Amino acid sequence: MAYKIGFAGTDGRTLLSALITSTATSETHGDDFKGVVIRGMPAMPPFASLMQWPVEFIPTKDNSKAGYAAAMIEALKNGAIDCIVPMPEDLLLEGLVDELAAAGFLDRVVGFTRESAFIEGDKIACKRLCREYQIPVADKWYAVDARDYGQVLQKSLSLIDAYGGAVLKFPYSAGGKGARIILNAWEVKEVYDTLIKDYKKSYKKLFGNKREWPLLIESRMSGVEISFNILIDKNGDFQILPTSMDYPERFPGPASKDNPITGGMGSISPHPMETPELFAMVAADIVKPFIKALEDKNALRPCLVYPGCYLSFDHHMAPTRIRVCEINIRPPEPEWQPIIRRVRNLGALFKATIDGNLNEVTPEIRSEQISICTAFVTGPGGPQGQKGYPWSCTKGEPVEIDFNYLKKKKIQVIPSAMTYSAEDNVFKSDGTRVLYCNVNAAVKEGQSRAGVAEKLRRKVLAAYENNKIRVIPRENPEGNRLDLRPDIGMHFDIAADMFPTT
């Protein structure tokens, strides 16, 4: 009988996790695994049916913690699922695991309790934990009152002088969008005003007007961004999955007021700077002290942590220093997608995380593969002149997909912000990141990673430019509302130019 893993959430990583669990072929594990989506988006069941994907769906009453918990508890009781992997951080921050524990299913879920979820939910508390256990973070950081502009200005100017920049961070759940980078003194007030405007309501809801509004200010970190997904079981055994590189800025180039940080425009795996030495450094400097912290705080349990880091390296591409930017407590979107496309035994890894024997299950990685995930987002235009993702988005417009073309080109489409009209038999956009395109290819003898990645990048661009995937604008039936970042995948080429002999 298949071991059924329920992936809870609504975005593309949820559906793809279930699909990979059901279809990936392990070279060493003969167990049968089945992926189940808990809730998902309205477009996902008909899309999976159309594609003949072996994925099951469990609906929830609504998108609340209570709605998820009720559906999960019933599914665990009747055997529809054997364990659960929650994807949205809000479910963990609001105490989903506690609800399952109260029903007697604490040992069937991969994730932290509400008490321990501060690791992601409170960046200042997480910084203090890292300091206590000597996990490397930014060289300097301060916790200040967000309403005290004088203190914000003082700390920011000192960090700009010493480190070439400062970062203001709303320290609570912000969907990956709470950081604001300041590169020179002229930007301090403008960046500060923008952050306060964006999170004033959140601050008031959390603290009112009389209590302090905590704000994290840290030194700008140099190097390159790199993220890790680490499975940890109840005994403290762990496995580090392949690396990925995120493209969080809306457009190519550095983040700015006109190029905001988004939930993610795409990702690639492996990260161009991934090396065996890097995994050893991460295990020694981050994972082991973090597990020691969990043990000491009585918080060690089956979980997945996702530290986003900054990496420094030498002229041989060997890692010299790594620092944690923040630690998240669930799989990331979209960085998770290209990673799991390269993993052959995802189901076995999650089962081992639940069972407490991760030391016996090694990730089976398609090490020769390049994997690229590109988000197709809602572009500008619409009845109110919407700016498009990540600002205001038009909704409810038909999605047109040339499935025959995509199948021929081996382009996988994963729906995300999409709905479905059964009456019209048509998929419709629901704003934001409408869908993802995933492409993989093996690097064969005589080929370079950069060359393979460029072919994959151009394959996705060709599908877009030839309107093989469209959201049809109301004002222009021949147009395409979708947009993307055209540079996703180019960093393999940049890395090859930086390290020509590596």
Protein backbone atom coordinates (compact mmCIF):
# COMPACT_ATOMS: atom_id res chain seq x y z
CA MET A 1 0.00 0.00 0.00
CA ALA A 2 1.29 3.45 -0.92
CA TYR A 3 2.59 5.78 1.77
CA LYS A 4 0.60 8.99 1.25
CA ILE A 5 2.19 12.36 1.95
CA GLY A 6 -0.11 15.38 2.20
CA PHE A 7 1.36 18.68 1.02
CA ALA A 8 -0.68 21.55 2.40
CA GLY A 9 -0.91 24.87 0.60
CA THR A 10 -2.13 26.67 -2.48
CA ASP A 11 0.85 27.52 -4.68
CA GLY A 12 2.91 25.74 -7.30
CA ARG A 13 5.41 24.10 -4.92
CA THR A 14 2.50 22.26 -3.26
CA LEU A 15 1.27 20.63 -6.45
CA LEU A 16 4.75 19.90 -7.78
CA SER A 17 5.77 18.26 -4.48
CA ALA A 18 2.80 15.92 -4.72
CA LEU A 19 3.52 15.17 -8.37
CA ILE A 20 7.22 14.43 -7.77
CA THR A 21 6.37 12.23 -4.78
CA SER A 22 3.99 10.19 -6.94
CA THR A 23 6.16 9.90 -10.05
CA ALA A 24 9.89 10.10 -9.20
CA THR A 25 11.69 6.77 -9.48
CA SER A 26 14.19 5.97 -6.76
CA GLU A 27 17.24 3.87 -7.55
CA THR A 28 17.41 2.37 -4.05
CA HIS A 29 13.93 2.59 -2.48
CA GLY A 30 11.24 0.27 -3.75
CA ASP A 31 8.52 1.76 -1.56
CA ASP A 32 5.41 3.14 -3.19
CA PHE A 33 4.67 6.80 -2.47
CA LYS A 34 1.65 8.93 -3.29
CA GLY A 35 1.47 12.72 -3.21
CA VAL A 36 -1.70 14.41 -2.00
CA VAL A 37 -2.51 18.14 -2.20
CA ILE A 38 -4.39 19.55 0.77
CA ARG A 39 -6.46 22.48 -0.51
CA GLY A 40 -4.46 23.70 -3.54
CA MET A 41 -5.93 26.25 -5.96
CA PRO A 42 -9.21 25.82 -7.88
CA ALA A 43 -7.38 25.23 -11.16
CA MET A 44 -5.22 22.41 -9.83
CA PRO A 45 -7.64 19.41 -9.78
CA PRO A 46 -8.91 19.95 -13.35
CA PHE A 47 -5.37 20.73 -14.52
CA ALA A 48 -4.00 17.55 -12.94
CA SER A 49 -6.87 15.57 -14.46
CA LEU A 50 -6.17 17.06 -17.90
CA MET A 51 -2.49 16.13 -17.57
CA GLN A 52 -3.33 12.68 -16.14
CA TRP A 53 -1.12 13.32 -13.14
CA PRO A 54 -1.41 10.75 -10.30
CA VAL A 55 -2.16 13.36 -7.62
CA GLU A 56 -5.07 13.34 -5.19
CA PHE A 57 -6.71 16.40 -3.63
CA ILE A 58 -8.26 16.96 -0.23
CA PRO A 59 -10.40 20.12 0.00
CA THR A 60 -10.60 22.37 3.03
CA LYS A 61 -13.53 24.47 4.20
CA ASP A 62 -11.50 27.64 3.78
CA ASN A 63 -7.94 28.96 3.81
CA SER A 64 -7.77 29.36 7.61
CA LYS A 65 -5.69 27.36 10.06
CA ALA A 66 -8.90 25.83 11.41
CA GLY A 67 -10.01 24.84 7.91
CA TYR A 68 -6.72 23.14 7.19
CA ALA A 69 -6.56 21.45 10.60
CA ALA A 70 -10.05 19.98 10.32
CA ALA A 71 -9.35 18.52 6.87
CA MET A 72 -5.97 17.15 7.95
CA ILE A 73 -7.25 15.51 11.12
CA GLU A 74 -10.06 13.80 9.25
CA ALA A 75 -7.68 12.63 6.50
CA LEU A 76 -5.22 11.23 9.06
CA LYS A 77 -8.01 9.45 10.89
CA ASN A 78 -9.45 7.79 7.79
CA GLY A 79 -6.08 6.90 6.24
CA ALA A 80 -6.31 9.28 3.28
CA ILE A 81 -2.82 10.51 4.23
CA ASP A 82 -0.01 9.16 6.40
CA CYS A 83 1.86 12.39 7.13
CA ILE A 84 1.70 16.11 6.38
CA VAL A 85 4.16 18.71 5.07
CA PRO A 86 2.72 22.24 5.50
CA MET A 87 4.00 24.71 2.92
CA PRO A 88 2.70 28.19 3.97
CA GLU A 89 4.61 29.66 6.90
CA ASP A 90 1.46 31.32 8.24
CA LEU A 91 -0.03 27.91 9.08
CA LEU A 92 2.96 27.12 11.29
CA LEU A 93 3.11 30.58 12.81
CA GLU A 94 -0.58 30.36 13.73
CA GLY A 95 -0.19 26.98 15.42
CA LEU A 96 -1.28 24.34 12.92
CA VAL A 97 1.11 21.78 14.42
CA ASP A 98 -0.36 22.46 17.87
CA GLU A 99 -3.85 21.72 16.53
CA LEU A 100 -2.63 18.40 15.11
CA ALA A 101 -0.83 17.61 18.36
CA ALA A 102 -4.03 18.15 20.34
CA ALA A 103 -5.71 15.60 18.07
CA GLY A 104 -2.92 13.07 18.70
CA PHE A 105 -1.01 13.51 15.43
CA LEU A 106 2.11 15.43 16.49
CA ASP A 107 4.36 12.67 15.15
CA ARG A 108 2.75 12.81 11.70
CA VAL A 109 3.68 16.33 10.62
CA VAL A 110 6.92 17.92 9.36
CA GLY A 111 7.02 21.36 10.95
CA PHE A 112 7.44 23.44 14.09
CA THR A 113 4.95 24.20 16.83
CA ARG A 114 3.79 27.76 17.31
CA GLU A 115 6.24 28.31 20.16
CA SER A 116 9.21 27.33 18.00
CA ALA A 117 7.99 29.03 14.84
CA PHE A 118 9.64 32.28 15.98
CA ILE A 119 12.63 31.01 14.00
CA GLU A 120 10.91 32.46 10.95
CA GLY A 121 8.20 34.56 12.55
CA ASP A 122 10.49 36.84 14.57
CA LYS A 123 13.74 37.71 12.84
CA ILE A 124 15.12 39.55 15.87
CA ALA A 125 14.54 36.55 18.16
CA CYS A 126 16.14 34.31 15.51
CA LYS A 127 19.18 36.63 15.36
CA ARG A 128 19.54 36.28 19.12
CA LEU A 129 19.33 32.51 18.87
CA CYS A 130 22.03 32.51 16.18
CA ARG A 131 24.23 34.74 18.34
CA GLU A 132 23.80 32.41 21.32
CA TYR A 133 24.84 29.36 19.30
CA GLN A 134 27.50 31.10 17.19
CA ILE A 135 25.68 30.66 13.91
CA PRO A 136 27.22 33.31 11.60
CA VAL A 137 24.95 36.20 10.61
CA ALA A 138 25.49 39.81 9.49
CA ASP A 139 28.56 41.38 11.09
CA LYS A 140 26.46 44.02 12.84
CA TRP A 141 22.78 44.18 13.64
CA TYR A 142 20.53 46.23 15.87
CA ALA A 143 16.97 45.98 17.18
CA VAL A 144 15.43 49.46 17.38
CA ASP A 145 12.03 51.12 17.66
CA ALA A 146 10.71 51.65 14.13
CA ARG A 147 9.05 54.92 15.22
CA ASP A 148 12.37 56.40 16.39
CA TYR A 149 13.67 57.75 13.08
CA GLY A 150 16.64 59.39 14.78
CA GLN A 151 17.90 56.01 15.96
CA VAL A 152 17.20 54.41 12.58
CA LEU A 153 19.18 57.19 10.88
CA GLN A 154 22.11 56.87 13.28
CA LYS A 155 22.42 53.10 12.93
CA SER A 156 21.92 53.17 9.16
CA LEU A 157 24.60 55.80 8.60
CA SER A 158 27.11 53.91 10.75
CA LEU A 159 26.47 50.70 8.80
CA ILE A 160 26.67 52.44 5.44
CA ASP A 161 30.03 53.89 6.45
CA ALA A 162 31.46 50.60 7.73
CA TYR A 163 29.87 48.07 5.36
CA GLY A 164 28.72 49.99 2.29
CA GLY A 165 25.05 49.58 3.07
CA ALA A 166 22.34 48.87 5.60
CA VAL A 167 19.23 46.70 5.49
CA LEU A 168 15.98 47.56 7.26
CA LYS A 169 13.79 44.54 7.97
CA PHE A 170 10.24 44.27 9.19
CA PRO A 171 11.00 41.36 11.53
CA TYR A 172 7.75 39.44 11.26
CA SER A 173 6.01 37.42 8.55
CA ALA A 174 6.13 39.39 5.31
CA GLY A 175 6.11 36.76 2.57
CA GLY A 176 9.78 37.33 1.81
CA LYS A 177 9.21 41.04 1.05
CA GLY A 178 10.10 42.69 4.36
CA ALA A 179 13.69 43.76 3.58
CA ARG A 180 14.68 47.22 2.34
CA ILE A 181 18.27 47.86 1.19
CA ILE A 182 19.96 51.24 1.67
CA LEU A 183 23.14 51.80 -0.35
CA ASN A 184 23.84 55.47 0.38
CA ALA A 185 22.89 58.14 2.89
CA TRP A 186 20.52 59.95 0.53
CA GLU A 187 18.19 56.94 0.52
CA VAL A 188 17.75 56.49 4.28
CA LYS A 189 14.62 58.62 4.78
CA GLU A 190 12.93 57.48 1.58
CA VAL A 191 13.51 53.78 2.31
CA TYR A 192 12.44 54.24 5.92
CA ASP A 193 9.23 56.04 4.92
CA THR A 194 8.39 53.31 2.41
CA LEU A 195 8.86 50.53 4.96
CA ILE A 196 6.72 52.30 7.57
CA LYS A 197 4.00 52.91 4.98
CA ASP A 198 4.02 49.26 3.94
CA TYR A 199 3.90 47.81 7.48
CA LYS A 200 2.16 50.47 9.57
CA LYS A 201 -1.06 48.45 9.73
CA SER A 202 0.85 45.30 10.70
CA TYR A 203 2.71 47.14 13.44
CA LYS A 204 -0.52 48.60 14.82
CA LYS A 205 -2.21 45.21 14.78
CA LEU A 206 0.71 43.58 16.61
CA PHE A 207 1.67 46.32 19.08
CA GLY A 208 -0.85 49.16 19.00
CA ASN A 209 0.34 52.74 19.32
CA LYS A 210 1.83 52.67 22.81
CA ARG A 211 4.30 49.80 22.64
CA GLU A 212 7.61 49.75 20.77
CA TRP A 213 7.57 48.74 17.09
CA PRO A 214 10.61 46.42 16.72
CA LEU A 215 12.70 46.96 13.61
CA LEU A 216 15.80 45.00 12.60
CA ILE A 217 18.70 46.94 11.06
CA GLU A 218 21.70 44.95 9.87
CA SER A 219 24.86 45.51 7.91
CA ARG A 220 24.70 44.83 4.21
CA MET A 221 26.30 41.49 3.41
CA SER A 222 28.57 41.03 0.41
CA GLY A 223 29.12 37.92 -1.70
CA VAL A 224 26.36 35.95 -3.39
CA GLU A 225 23.00 34.80 -2.09
CA ILE A 226 22.51 31.06 -1.73
CA SER A 227 19.84 28.99 0.01
CA PHE A 228 19.71 25.51 1.50
CA ASN A 229 16.85 23.16 2.31
CA ILE A 230 17.63 20.90 5.24
CA LEU A 231 15.51 18.03 6.52
CA ILE A 232 15.92 17.27 10.23
CA ASP A 233 14.37 14.35 12.10
CA LYS A 234 13.45 13.94 15.77
CA ASN A 235 16.86 12.42 16.58
CA GLY A 236 18.85 15.29 15.12
CA ASP A 237 19.88 13.46 11.97
CA PHE A 238 19.76 15.64 8.87
CA GLN A 239 20.12 15.72 5.11
CA ILE A 240 20.98 18.79 3.03
CA LEU A 241 19.20 18.90 -0.33
CA PRO A 242 20.75 20.44 -3.47
CA THR A 243 21.18 24.19 -3.57
CA SER A 244 19.16 26.68 -5.57
CA MET A 245 19.46 30.32 -6.55
CA ASP A 246 16.51 32.67 -6.33
CA TYR A 247 15.69 35.65 -8.55
CA PRO A 248 13.69 37.75 -6.07
CA GLU A 249 13.88 41.14 -7.81
CA ARG A 250 11.02 41.92 -10.19
CA PHE A 251 13.38 42.91 -13.02
CA PRO A 252 17.03 42.17 -13.82
CA GLY A 253 19.47 44.22 -11.78
CA PRO A 254 19.80 45.18 -8.11
CA ALA A 255 16.81 45.82 -5.89
CA SER A 256 15.62 49.42 -5.70
CA LYS A 257 12.42 51.39 -5.21
CA ASP A 258 11.62 50.74 -8.89
CA ASN A 259 12.78 47.12 -8.78
CA PRO A 260 11.14 45.64 -5.68
CA ILE A 261 11.83 42.33 -3.98
CA THR A 262 9.00 39.94 -4.85
CA GLY A 263 7.99 36.49 -3.69
CA GLY A 264 10.34 35.15 -6.38
CA MET A 265 10.46 35.49 -10.18
CA GLY A 266 12.24 32.20 -10.75
CA SER A 267 15.07 29.97 -9.59
CA ILE A 268 17.78 27.60 -10.76
CA SER A 269 19.37 24.46 -9.33
CA PRO A 270 22.15 23.79 -8.62
CA HIS A 271 23.42 27.17 -7.52
CA PRO A 272 26.40 28.01 -9.76
CA MET A 273 28.60 28.28 -6.66
CA GLU A 274 27.67 24.89 -5.20
CA THR A 275 30.68 22.75 -4.25
CA PRO A 276 31.24 19.74 -1.93
CA GLU A 277 33.28 22.00 0.35
CA LEU A 278 30.27 24.29 0.68
CA PHE A 279 28.05 21.49 2.01
CA ALA A 280 30.69 20.65 4.61
CA MET A 281 30.89 24.30 5.68
CA VAL A 282 27.10 24.59 5.97
CA ALA A 283 26.88 21.41 8.04
CA ALA A 284 29.60 22.57 10.44
CA ASP A 285 28.80 26.28 10.72
CA ILE A 286 24.98 26.29 10.45
CA VAL A 287 23.21 22.94 10.66
CA LYS A 288 24.95 21.31 13.63
CA PRO A 289 24.84 24.36 15.92
CA PHE A 290 21.22 24.94 14.89
CA ILE A 291 20.28 21.37 15.83
CA LYS A 292 22.10 21.88 19.16
CA ALA A 293 19.94 24.97 19.71
CA LEU A 294 16.78 22.97 18.98
CA GLU A 295 17.87 20.28 21.43
CA ASP A 296 18.64 22.80 24.17
CA LYS A 297 15.34 24.63 23.64
CA ASN A 298 13.34 21.38 23.62
CA ALA A 299 12.23 22.18 20.06
CA LEU A 300 13.84 19.33 18.11
CA ARG A 301 11.26 17.55 15.97
CA PRO A 302 10.71 16.55 12.31
CA CYS A 303 11.13 19.73 10.30
CA LEU A 304 12.44 21.38 7.18
CA VAL A 305 14.47 24.55 7.57
CA TYR A 306 15.48 26.86 4.80
CA PRO A 307 18.32 29.25 5.68
CA GLY A 308 18.97 31.98 3.16
CA CYS A 309 22.65 32.86 3.23
CA TYR A 310 25.40 35.03 1.81
CA LEU A 311 28.50 33.24 0.58
CA SER A 312 32.05 34.47 0.13
CA PHE A 313 34.57 32.45 -1.88
CA ASP A 314 38.10 32.56 -3.22
CA HIS A 315 39.50 32.60 -6.75
CA HIS A 316 39.12 28.80 -6.98
CA MET A 317 35.39 29.07 -6.12
CA ALA A 318 36.11 27.49 -2.72
CA PRO A 319 33.88 28.84 0.07
CA THR A 320 35.65 31.03 2.62
CA ARG A 321 32.75 32.39 4.68
CA ILE A 322 29.00 31.96 4.98
CA ARG A 323 26.45 34.05 6.90
CA VAL A 324 22.77 33.46 7.55
CA CYS A 325 20.41 36.16 6.37
CA GLU A 326 17.33 34.49 7.87
CA ILE A 327 16.04 31.02 8.63
CA ASN A 328 12.67 29.94 7.26
CA ILE A 329 10.74 26.90 8.46
CA ARG A 330 9.08 25.55 5.30
CA PRO A 331 10.02 24.87 1.68
CA PRO A 332 10.53 28.09 -0.32
CA GLU A 333 8.71 29.19 -3.46
CA PRO A 334 9.91 29.00 -6.18
CA GLU A 335 13.40 27.77 -5.11
CA TRP A 336 11.89 24.44 -4.05
CA GLN A 337 10.65 23.58 -7.54
CA PRO A 338 13.95 23.12 -9.42
CA ILE A 339 15.43 21.33 -6.42
CA ILE A 340 12.81 18.60 -6.21
CA ARG A 341 12.81 18.12 -9.98
CA ARG A 342 16.35 16.76 -9.43
CA VAL A 343 15.49 14.51 -6.45
CA ARG A 344 14.58 10.87 -7.13
CA ASN A 345 13.49 9.87 -3.61
CA LEU A 346 11.53 12.80 -2.21
CA GLY A 347 8.88 10.54 -0.68
CA ALA A 348 11.47 8.37 1.06
CA LEU A 349 13.19 11.44 2.50
CA PHE A 350 10.01 12.80 4.04
CA LYS A 351 9.07 9.38 5.40
CA ALA A 352 12.51 9.09 7.00
CA THR A 353 12.07 12.57 8.49
CA ILE A 354 8.85 11.39 10.13
CA ASP A 355 10.24 7.97 11.14
CA GLY A 356 13.48 9.35 12.61
CA ASN A 357 15.98 7.54 10.41
CA LEU A 358 17.30 10.25 8.08
CA ASN A 359 20.78 8.91 8.75
CA GLU A 360 19.80 5.88 6.64
CA VAL A 361 18.29 7.73 3.64
CA THR A 362 20.61 9.74 1.42
CA PRO A 363 19.14 12.13 -1.16
CA GLU A 364 19.31 10.64 -4.64
CA ILE A 365 20.19 13.60 -6.84
CA ARG A 366 20.32 13.86 -10.60
CA SER A 367 23.72 15.47 -10.19
CA GLU A 368 24.26 15.97 -13.90
CA GLN A 369 21.05 17.95 -14.35
CA ILE A 370 20.38 21.66 -14.68
CA SER A 371 16.89 22.70 -13.57
CA ILE A 372 15.25 26.07 -14.18
CA CYS A 373 11.94 27.40 -12.89
CA THR A 374 10.45 30.58 -14.39
CA ALA A 375 7.42 32.39 -12.98
CA PHE A 376 4.89 33.75 -15.47
CA VAL A 377 3.35 36.72 -13.69
CA THR A 378 0.52 39.14 -14.36
CA GLY A 379 1.88 42.04 -16.36
CA PRO A 380 0.62 45.64 -16.47
CA GLY A 381 -2.72 46.85 -17.82
CA GLY A 382 -6.37 46.23 -17.16
CA PRO A 383 -9.58 48.17 -16.46
CA GLN A 384 -7.97 50.31 -13.71
CA GLY A 385 -4.57 50.55 -15.36
CA GLN A 386 -3.05 48.01 -12.97
CA LYS A 387 0.74 48.05 -12.63
CA GLY A 388 1.03 44.25 -12.60
CA TYR A 389 2.88 41.95 -10.22
CA PRO A 390 3.95 42.62 -7.46
CA TRP A 391 1.71 45.69 -7.35
CA SER A 392 -1.94 45.68 -8.51
CA CYS A 393 -3.01 42.84 -10.81
CA THR A 394 -5.82 42.17 -13.26
CA LYS A 395 -7.80 39.00 -12.51
CA GLY A 396 -10.28 36.71 -14.22
CA GLU A 397 -8.80 36.69 -17.73
CA PRO A 398 -8.62 33.43 -19.74
CA VAL A 399 -5.42 31.38 -19.72
CA GLU A 400 -4.50 29.81 -23.07
CA ILE A 401 -1.87 27.05 -23.17
CA ASP A 402 -0.60 25.13 -26.19
CA PHE A 403 -0.15 21.78 -24.44
CA ASN A 404 1.02 19.95 -27.57
CA TYR A 405 3.80 22.47 -28.12
CA LEU A 406 4.90 22.35 -24.49
CA LYS A 407 4.90 18.56 -24.42
CA LYS A 408 7.04 18.47 -27.55
CA LYS A 409 9.48 20.96 -26.04
CA LYS A 410 9.46 19.20 -22.64
CA ILE A 411 8.28 22.26 -20.77
CA GLN A 412 6.33 21.52 -17.61
CA VAL A 413 3.60 23.97 -16.55
CA ILE A 414 2.59 24.15 -12.90
CA PRO A 415 -0.53 26.26 -12.21
CA SER A 416 -0.48 28.59 -9.24
CA ALA A 417 -2.68 31.71 -9.17
CA MET A 418 -5.28 30.22 -11.51
CA THR A 419 -8.96 29.44 -11.25
CA TYR A 420 -11.15 27.23 -13.42
CA SER A 421 -14.61 27.77 -14.89
CA ALA A 422 -16.31 24.39 -15.32
CA GLU A 423 -19.16 26.05 -17.18
CA ASP A 424 -16.84 27.53 -19.81
CA ASN A 425 -14.18 24.79 -19.52
CA VAL A 426 -11.48 27.44 -19.29
CA PHE A 427 -8.67 28.29 -16.90
CA LYS A 428 -8.45 31.90 -15.72
CA SER A 429 -5.75 33.99 -14.10
CA ASP A 430 -6.14 35.00 -10.47
CA GLY A 431 -3.42 37.64 -10.48
CA THR A 432 0.18 37.58 -9.11
CA ARG A 433 2.29 34.55 -10.18
CA VAL A 434 -0.15 32.79 -12.49
CA LEU A 435 1.95 29.72 -13.35
CA TYR A 436 5.47 28.35 -13.48
CA CYS A 437 7.42 26.77 -16.32
CA ASN A 438 9.96 24.12 -15.33
CA VAL A 439 12.66 22.78 -17.66
CA ASN A 440 15.46 20.30 -17.00
CA ALA A 441 18.33 18.89 -19.03
CA ALA A 442 21.37 16.74 -18.37
CA VAL A 443 24.85 18.12 -19.01
CA LYS A 444 26.37 15.55 -21.32
CA GLU A 445 30.00 14.91 -22.12
CA GLY A 446 31.47 17.82 -24.04
CA GLN A 447 28.77 20.23 -22.88
CA SER A 448 29.05 23.03 -20.33
CA ARG A 449 26.51 23.89 -17.64
CA ALA A 450 26.31 27.40 -19.07
CA GLY A 451 25.54 26.09 -22.54
CA VAL A 452 22.81 23.74 -21.32
CA ALA A 453 21.28 26.43 -19.12
CA GLU A 454 21.22 28.88 -22.03
CA LYS A 455 19.34 26.38 -24.21
CA LEU A 456 16.79 25.88 -21.43
CA ARG A 457 16.42 29.63 -20.92
CA ARG A 458 15.84 30.21 -24.61
CA LYS A 459 13.33 27.36 -24.73
CA VAL A 460 11.15 29.07 -22.13
CA LEU A 461 11.56 32.46 -23.79
CA ALA A 462 10.53 31.02 -27.16
CA ALA A 463 7.33 29.61 -25.67
CA TYR A 464 6.58 33.02 -24.19
CA GLU A 465 7.50 35.09 -27.23
CA ASN A 466 5.48 32.82 -29.53
CA ASN A 467 2.41 33.11 -27.27
CA LYS A 468 2.30 29.40 -26.46
CA ILE A 469 1.27 30.43 -22.94
CA ARG A 470 -1.03 33.43 -22.71
CA VAL A 471 -3.34 35.30 -20.42
CA ILE A 472 -5.69 37.02 -22.86
CA PRO A 473 -6.18 40.72 -22.00
CA ARG A 474 -9.72 42.06 -21.97
CA GLU A 475 -8.69 45.03 -24.09
CA ASN A 476 -6.66 43.04 -26.64
CA PRO A 477 -7.67 39.46 -27.59
CA GLU A 478 -4.45 39.04 -29.56
CA GLY A 479 -2.18 40.19 -26.74
CA ASN A 480 -0.61 38.53 -23.72
CA ARG A 481 -0.99 39.80 -20.15
CA LEU A 482 1.80 37.57 -18.86
CA ASP A 483 5.32 38.74 -18.18
CA LEU A 484 8.55 37.10 -16.96
CA ARG A 485 12.17 37.78 -16.17
CA PRO A 486 14.19 36.89 -19.28
CA ASP A 487 17.51 36.41 -17.48
CA ILE A 488 16.69 33.39 -15.30
CA GLY A 489 19.46 30.86 -15.88
CA MET A 490 22.10 33.29 -17.13
CA HIS A 491 24.17 33.06 -13.94
CA PHE A 492 25.69 29.77 -15.06
CA ASP A 493 27.26 31.71 -17.91
CA ILE A 494 28.35 34.50 -15.56
CA ALA A 495 29.96 31.94 -13.24
CA ALA A 496 31.74 30.28 -16.16
CA ASP A 497 33.23 33.65 -17.17
CA MET A 498 34.29 34.36 -13.56
CA PHE A 499 35.98 30.97 -13.09
CA PRO A 500 37.12 29.85 -16.57
CA THR A 501 39.39 27.10 -15.24
CA THR A 502 37.14 25.80 -12.45
